[in-house]
Amino acid sequence: NEISWSKCFRNIFAIEADILADDDLYLPNQARRNMMWVNGPNRQFSAAVRSVTGGDFGKYDAMFLMEGDCVPVKEYWMDSLRKEAERSFLEHGPFAILGSKYNGDSWDKFR
């Protein structure tokens, strides 16, 4: 039997970020006074992008990053994502990030 995820993905890779302990910060209680409070997750994101764009796992022209605490709630959500990416590319050309604009005020004091 074919495993269901294999219909969407050829491989799954675990990528180590190798973040220094001093840089691996996630301190939500300091969000109002320390703009480095979320440095650890930001460094993880940067390491993942470097791994994918650096060719460590093959040559890709796109990537999708879903945080580990996210759970899809819509059936066929990946099909919708692919269609949205294709539509955006055809209408607007290449993009670096696809999604809605941030609609909040948590980062206002850092502007």
N, C-alpha and C. Protein backbone atom coordinates (compact mmCIF):
# COMPACT_ATOMS: atom_id res chain seq x y z
N ASN A 1 0.82 -1.20 0.00
CA ASN A 1 0.00 0.00 0.00
C ASN A 1 0.86 1.25 0.00
N GLU A 2 0.45 2.23 -0.79
CA GLU A 2 1.15 3.50 -0.85
C GLU A 2 0.78 4.35 0.36
N ILE A 3 1.77 4.91 1.03
CA ILE A 3 1.52 5.79 2.17
C ILE A 3 0.92 7.09 1.65
N SER A 4 -0.10 7.62 2.32
CA SER A 4 -0.84 8.76 1.80
C SER A 4 0.03 9.98 1.53
N TRP A 5 1.01 10.31 2.40
CA TRP A 5 1.81 11.49 2.17
C TRP A 5 2.67 11.36 0.93
N SER A 6 2.96 10.12 0.50
CA SER A 6 3.83 9.93 -0.66
C SER A 6 3.17 10.37 -1.95
N LYS A 7 1.87 10.61 -1.91
CA LYS A 7 1.19 11.14 -3.09
C LYS A 7 1.52 12.61 -3.30
N CYS A 8 1.93 13.29 -2.24
CA CYS A 8 2.26 14.72 -2.31
C CYS A 8 3.75 14.98 -2.25
N PHE A 9 4.49 14.11 -1.57
CA PHE A 9 5.91 14.34 -1.32
C PHE A 9 6.73 13.13 -1.75
N ARG A 10 7.86 13.39 -2.36
CA ARG A 10 8.78 12.31 -2.69
C ARG A 10 9.62 11.95 -1.47
N ASN A 11 10.03 12.95 -0.70
CA ASN A 11 10.87 12.74 0.47
C ASN A 11 10.49 13.71 1.57
N ILE A 12 10.83 13.35 2.79
CA ILE A 12 10.74 14.25 3.93
C ILE A 12 12.12 14.28 4.57
N PHE A 13 12.63 15.47 4.83
CA PHE A 13 13.96 15.62 5.42
C PHE A 13 13.85 16.33 6.76
N ALA A 14 14.63 15.89 7.72
CA ALA A 14 14.78 16.61 8.98
C ALA A 14 16.02 17.48 8.82
N ILE A 15 15.87 18.77 9.04
CA ILE A 15 16.97 19.72 8.86
C ILE A 15 17.37 20.25 10.23
N GLU A 16 18.62 20.11 10.57
CA GLU A 16 19.15 20.64 11.84
C GLU A 16 19.57 22.09 11.63
N ALA A 17 19.16 22.96 12.53
CA ALA A 17 19.51 24.37 12.40
C ALA A 17 20.87 24.68 13.01
N ASP A 18 21.33 23.86 13.93
CA ASP A 18 22.62 24.08 14.60
C ASP A 18 22.75 25.50 15.16
N ILE A 19 21.75 25.93 15.88
CA ILE A 19 21.74 27.27 16.47
C ILE A 19 22.57 27.25 17.75
N LEU A 20 23.40 28.25 17.93
CA LEU A 20 24.15 28.38 19.17
C LEU A 20 23.17 28.61 20.32
N ALA A 21 23.46 28.03 21.48
CA ALA A 21 22.56 28.15 22.63
C ALA A 21 22.25 29.60 22.97
N ASP A 22 23.23 30.49 22.85
CA ASP A 22 23.02 31.91 23.16
C ASP A 22 22.06 32.59 22.19
N ASP A 23 21.95 32.04 20.98
CA ASP A 23 21.07 32.61 19.96
C ASP A 23 19.69 31.95 19.92
N ASP A 24 19.55 30.80 20.56
CA ASP A 24 18.31 30.03 20.50
C ASP A 24 17.32 30.52 21.55
N LEU A 25 16.77 31.70 21.29
CA LEU A 25 15.87 32.35 22.23
C LEU A 25 14.43 32.25 21.77
N TYR A 26 13.57 31.94 22.71
CA TYR A 26 12.13 32.08 22.51
C TYR A 26 11.56 32.46 23.86
N LEU A 27 11.38 33.74 24.06
CA LEU A 27 11.01 34.30 25.36
C LEU A 27 9.78 35.20 25.22
N PRO A 28 8.60 34.60 25.01
CA PRO A 28 7.40 35.41 24.79
C PRO A 28 7.12 36.42 25.91
N ASN A 29 7.52 36.10 27.13
CA ASN A 29 7.28 37.03 28.23
C ASN A 29 8.15 38.29 28.13
N GLN A 30 9.14 38.31 27.23
CA GLN A 30 9.98 39.48 27.03
C GLN A 30 9.66 40.22 25.71
N ALA A 31 8.58 39.83 25.07
CA ALA A 31 8.25 40.39 23.75
C ALA A 31 8.13 41.92 23.75
N ARG A 32 7.69 42.51 24.82
CA ARG A 32 7.49 43.97 24.87
C ARG A 32 8.79 44.75 25.05
N ARG A 33 9.84 44.09 25.56
CA ARG A 33 11.07 44.83 25.85
C ARG A 33 12.33 44.28 25.16
N ASN A 34 12.24 43.14 24.52
CA ASN A 34 13.43 42.52 23.92
C ASN A 34 13.09 42.07 22.50
N MET A 35 13.58 42.82 21.50
CA MET A 35 13.22 42.47 20.13
C MET A 35 13.90 41.18 19.66
N MET A 36 14.78 40.60 20.45
CA MET A 36 15.39 39.31 20.10
C MET A 36 14.64 38.15 20.74
N TRP A 37 13.49 38.40 21.34
CA TRP A 37 12.75 37.37 22.08
C TRP A 37 12.41 36.16 21.23
N VAL A 38 12.33 36.32 19.93
CA VAL A 38 11.92 35.23 19.04
C VAL A 38 13.07 34.83 18.11
N ASN A 39 14.30 35.08 18.50
CA ASN A 39 15.47 34.82 17.67
C ASN A 39 15.61 33.33 17.30
N GLY A 40 15.34 32.43 18.21
CA GLY A 40 15.49 30.99 17.94
C GLY A 40 14.65 30.53 16.76
N PRO A 41 13.33 30.77 16.79
CA PRO A 41 12.50 30.39 15.64
C PRO A 41 12.92 31.10 14.34
N ASN A 42 13.34 32.35 14.45
CA ASN A 42 13.80 33.06 13.24
C ASN A 42 15.05 32.41 12.67
N ARG A 43 15.98 32.01 13.51
CA ARG A 43 17.20 31.33 13.06
C ARG A 43 16.87 29.96 12.46
N GLN A 44 15.87 29.26 13.02
CA GLN A 44 15.45 27.98 12.45
C GLN A 44 14.92 28.18 11.03
N PHE A 45 14.10 29.21 10.85
CA PHE A 45 13.56 29.52 9.52
C PHE A 45 14.69 29.81 8.54
N SER A 46 15.63 30.67 8.94
CA SER A 46 16.75 31.03 8.07
C SER A 46 17.57 29.79 7.69
N ALA A 47 17.82 28.91 8.65
CA ALA A 47 18.59 27.69 8.37
C ALA A 47 17.85 26.79 7.39
N ALA A 48 16.54 26.67 7.54
CA ALA A 48 15.76 25.84 6.62
C ALA A 48 15.81 26.40 5.20
N VAL A 49 15.65 27.70 5.06
CA VAL A 49 15.70 28.32 3.73
C VAL A 49 17.08 28.14 3.10
N ARG A 50 18.14 28.34 3.89
CA ARG A 50 19.50 28.15 3.35
C ARG A 50 19.71 26.71 2.89
N SER A 51 19.20 25.75 3.64
CA SER A 51 19.35 24.34 3.25
C SER A 51 18.64 24.05 1.94
N VAL A 52 17.43 24.56 1.79
CA VAL A 52 16.67 24.29 0.57
C VAL A 52 17.26 25.03 -0.62
N THR A 53 17.57 26.31 -0.46
CA THR A 53 18.08 27.09 -1.59
C THR A 53 19.54 26.78 -1.89
N GLY A 54 20.25 26.21 -0.93
CA GLY A 54 21.66 25.87 -1.14
C GLY A 54 21.87 24.58 -1.89
N GLY A 55 20.80 23.85 -2.18
CA GLY A 55 20.92 22.63 -2.96
C GLY A 55 21.30 21.40 -2.17
N ASP A 56 21.28 21.48 -0.83
CA ASP A 56 21.65 20.33 -0.01
C ASP A 56 20.75 19.12 -0.27
N PHE A 57 19.51 19.35 -0.67
CA PHE A 57 18.56 18.26 -0.83
C PHE A 57 18.02 18.17 -2.25
N GLY A 58 18.68 18.79 -3.18
CA GLY A 58 18.22 18.81 -4.57
C GLY A 58 17.98 20.24 -5.02
N LYS A 59 17.49 20.37 -6.23
CA LYS A 59 17.23 21.70 -6.78
C LYS A 59 15.72 21.96 -6.76
N TYR A 60 15.35 23.01 -6.06
CA TYR A 60 13.94 23.37 -5.93
C TYR A 60 13.75 24.82 -6.32
N ASP A 61 12.58 25.13 -6.88
CA ASP A 61 12.27 26.52 -7.18
C ASP A 61 11.18 27.05 -6.24
N ALA A 62 10.74 26.22 -5.31
CA ALA A 62 9.73 26.66 -4.34
C ALA A 62 9.82 25.77 -3.10
N MET A 63 9.36 26.32 -2.00
CA MET A 63 9.26 25.53 -0.78
C MET A 63 8.05 25.99 0.01
N PHE A 64 7.51 25.09 0.79
CA PHE A 64 6.41 25.41 1.69
C PHE A 64 6.88 25.04 3.08
N LEU A 65 6.78 25.99 3.99
CA LEU A 65 7.17 25.75 5.37
C LEU A 65 5.92 25.88 6.23
N MET A 66 5.57 24.80 6.91
CA MET A 66 4.45 24.82 7.82
C MET A 66 4.99 24.54 9.21
N GLU A 67 4.71 25.43 10.14
CA GLU A 67 5.22 25.26 11.49
C GLU A 67 4.62 24.01 12.12
N GLY A 68 5.39 23.39 13.00
CA GLY A 68 5.01 22.12 13.59
C GLY A 68 3.73 22.14 14.40
N ASP A 69 3.32 23.30 14.89
CA ASP A 69 2.10 23.36 15.68
C ASP A 69 0.88 23.74 14.85
N CYS A 70 1.01 23.74 13.54
CA CYS A 70 -0.12 24.03 12.66
C CYS A 70 -0.81 22.73 12.24
N VAL A 71 -2.12 22.78 12.14
CA VAL A 71 -2.91 21.63 11.73
C VAL A 71 -3.85 22.07 10.61
N PRO A 72 -3.74 21.46 9.43
CA PRO A 72 -4.67 21.82 8.35
C PRO A 72 -6.11 21.52 8.76
N VAL A 73 -7.02 22.42 8.42
CA VAL A 73 -8.43 22.24 8.79
C VAL A 73 -9.33 22.09 7.56
N LYS A 74 -8.75 22.21 6.38
CA LYS A 74 -9.53 22.14 5.15
C LYS A 74 -9.09 20.91 4.36
N GLU A 75 -10.04 20.14 3.90
CA GLU A 75 -9.73 19.01 3.06
C GLU A 75 -9.10 19.51 1.76
N TYR A 76 -8.12 18.80 1.27
CA TYR A 76 -7.40 19.15 0.04
C TYR A 76 -6.73 20.51 0.13
N TRP A 77 -6.25 20.87 1.31
CA TRP A 77 -5.62 22.17 1.53
C TRP A 77 -4.37 22.35 0.69
N MET A 78 -3.64 21.27 0.46
CA MET A 78 -2.42 21.40 -0.33
C MET A 78 -2.73 21.67 -1.80
N ASP A 79 -3.80 21.10 -2.30
CA ASP A 79 -4.23 21.41 -3.67
C ASP A 79 -4.58 22.89 -3.79
N SER A 80 -5.27 23.43 -2.78
CA SER A 80 -5.62 24.86 -2.79
C SER A 80 -4.37 25.73 -2.74
N LEU A 81 -3.39 25.32 -1.94
CA LEU A 81 -2.14 26.07 -1.84
C LEU A 81 -1.41 26.09 -3.19
N ARG A 82 -1.34 24.93 -3.83
CA ARG A 82 -0.66 24.85 -5.13
C ARG A 82 -1.36 25.73 -6.17
N LYS A 83 -2.68 25.68 -6.19
CA LYS A 83 -3.44 26.51 -7.15
C LYS A 83 -3.23 28.00 -6.88
N GLU A 84 -3.22 28.39 -5.62
CA GLU A 84 -3.00 29.80 -5.27
C GLU A 84 -1.60 30.25 -5.69
N ALA A 85 -0.60 29.41 -5.47
CA ALA A 85 0.77 29.75 -5.88
C ALA A 85 0.86 29.89 -7.39
N GLU A 86 0.25 28.98 -8.12
CA GLU A 86 0.27 29.06 -9.59
C GLU A 86 -0.45 30.30 -10.08
N ARG A 87 -1.62 30.59 -9.50
CA ARG A 87 -2.39 31.78 -9.90
C ARG A 87 -1.60 33.05 -9.64
N SER A 88 -0.99 33.14 -8.46
CA SER A 88 -0.23 34.33 -8.12
C SER A 88 0.96 34.51 -9.05
N PHE A 89 1.64 33.42 -9.36
CA PHE A 89 2.78 33.50 -10.27
C PHE A 89 2.34 33.97 -11.65
N LEU A 90 1.25 33.42 -12.16
CA LEU A 90 0.78 33.81 -13.50
C LEU A 90 0.31 35.26 -13.55
N GLU A 91 -0.32 35.73 -12.47
CA GLU A 91 -0.84 37.10 -12.45
C GLU A 91 0.21 38.15 -12.10
N HIS A 92 1.16 37.79 -11.23
CA HIS A 92 2.10 38.79 -10.70
C HIS A 92 3.57 38.46 -10.92
N GLY A 93 3.86 37.27 -11.41
CA GLY A 93 5.26 36.87 -11.59
C GLY A 93 5.82 36.23 -10.34
N PRO A 94 7.13 36.02 -10.33
CA PRO A 94 7.77 35.35 -9.19
C PRO A 94 7.53 36.10 -7.88
N PHE A 95 7.48 35.37 -6.79
CA PHE A 95 7.29 35.98 -5.47
C PHE A 95 8.21 35.31 -4.47
N ALA A 96 8.54 36.04 -3.42
CA ALA A 96 9.38 35.51 -2.35
C ALA A 96 8.52 34.89 -1.25
N ILE A 97 7.42 35.56 -0.93
CA ILE A 97 6.51 35.08 0.10
C ILE A 97 5.10 35.25 -0.42
N LEU A 98 4.28 34.23 -0.22
CA LEU A 98 2.89 34.29 -0.65
C LEU A 98 2.01 34.18 0.58
N GLY A 99 1.08 35.07 0.72
CA GLY A 99 0.16 35.01 1.85
C GLY A 99 -0.42 36.37 2.13
N SER A 100 -1.21 36.43 3.15
CA SER A 100 -1.85 37.70 3.49
C SER A 100 -0.86 38.60 4.22
N LYS A 101 -1.14 39.89 4.20
CA LYS A 101 -0.35 40.85 4.96
C LYS A 101 -0.66 40.68 6.44
N TYR A 102 0.34 40.93 7.27
CA TYR A 102 0.16 40.85 8.71
C TYR A 102 -0.89 41.85 9.15
N ASN A 103 -1.86 41.40 9.90
CA ASN A 103 -2.96 42.26 10.34
C ASN A 103 -2.98 42.26 11.87
N GLY A 104 -2.02 42.94 12.45
CA GLY A 104 -1.94 42.99 13.91
C GLY A 104 -1.09 44.17 14.33
N ASP A 105 -0.86 44.25 15.63
CA ASP A 105 -0.07 45.38 16.14
C ASP A 105 1.08 44.94 17.05
N SER A 106 1.36 43.65 17.11
CA SER A 106 2.39 43.14 18.03
C SER A 106 3.78 43.71 17.75
N TRP A 107 4.05 44.08 16.52
CA TRP A 107 5.39 44.54 16.14
C TRP A 107 5.48 46.05 16.00
N ASP A 108 4.41 46.78 16.29
CA ASP A 108 4.40 48.23 16.09
C ASP A 108 5.52 48.95 16.82
N LYS A 109 5.84 48.56 18.04
CA LYS A 109 6.87 49.30 18.79
C LYS A 109 8.27 49.10 18.24
N PHE A 110 8.46 48.11 17.35
CA PHE A 110 9.77 47.87 16.77
C PHE A 110 9.95 48.59 15.43
N ARG A 111 8.94 49.28 14.96
CA ARG A 111 9.03 49.99 13.67
C ARG A 111 9.79 51.27 13.81
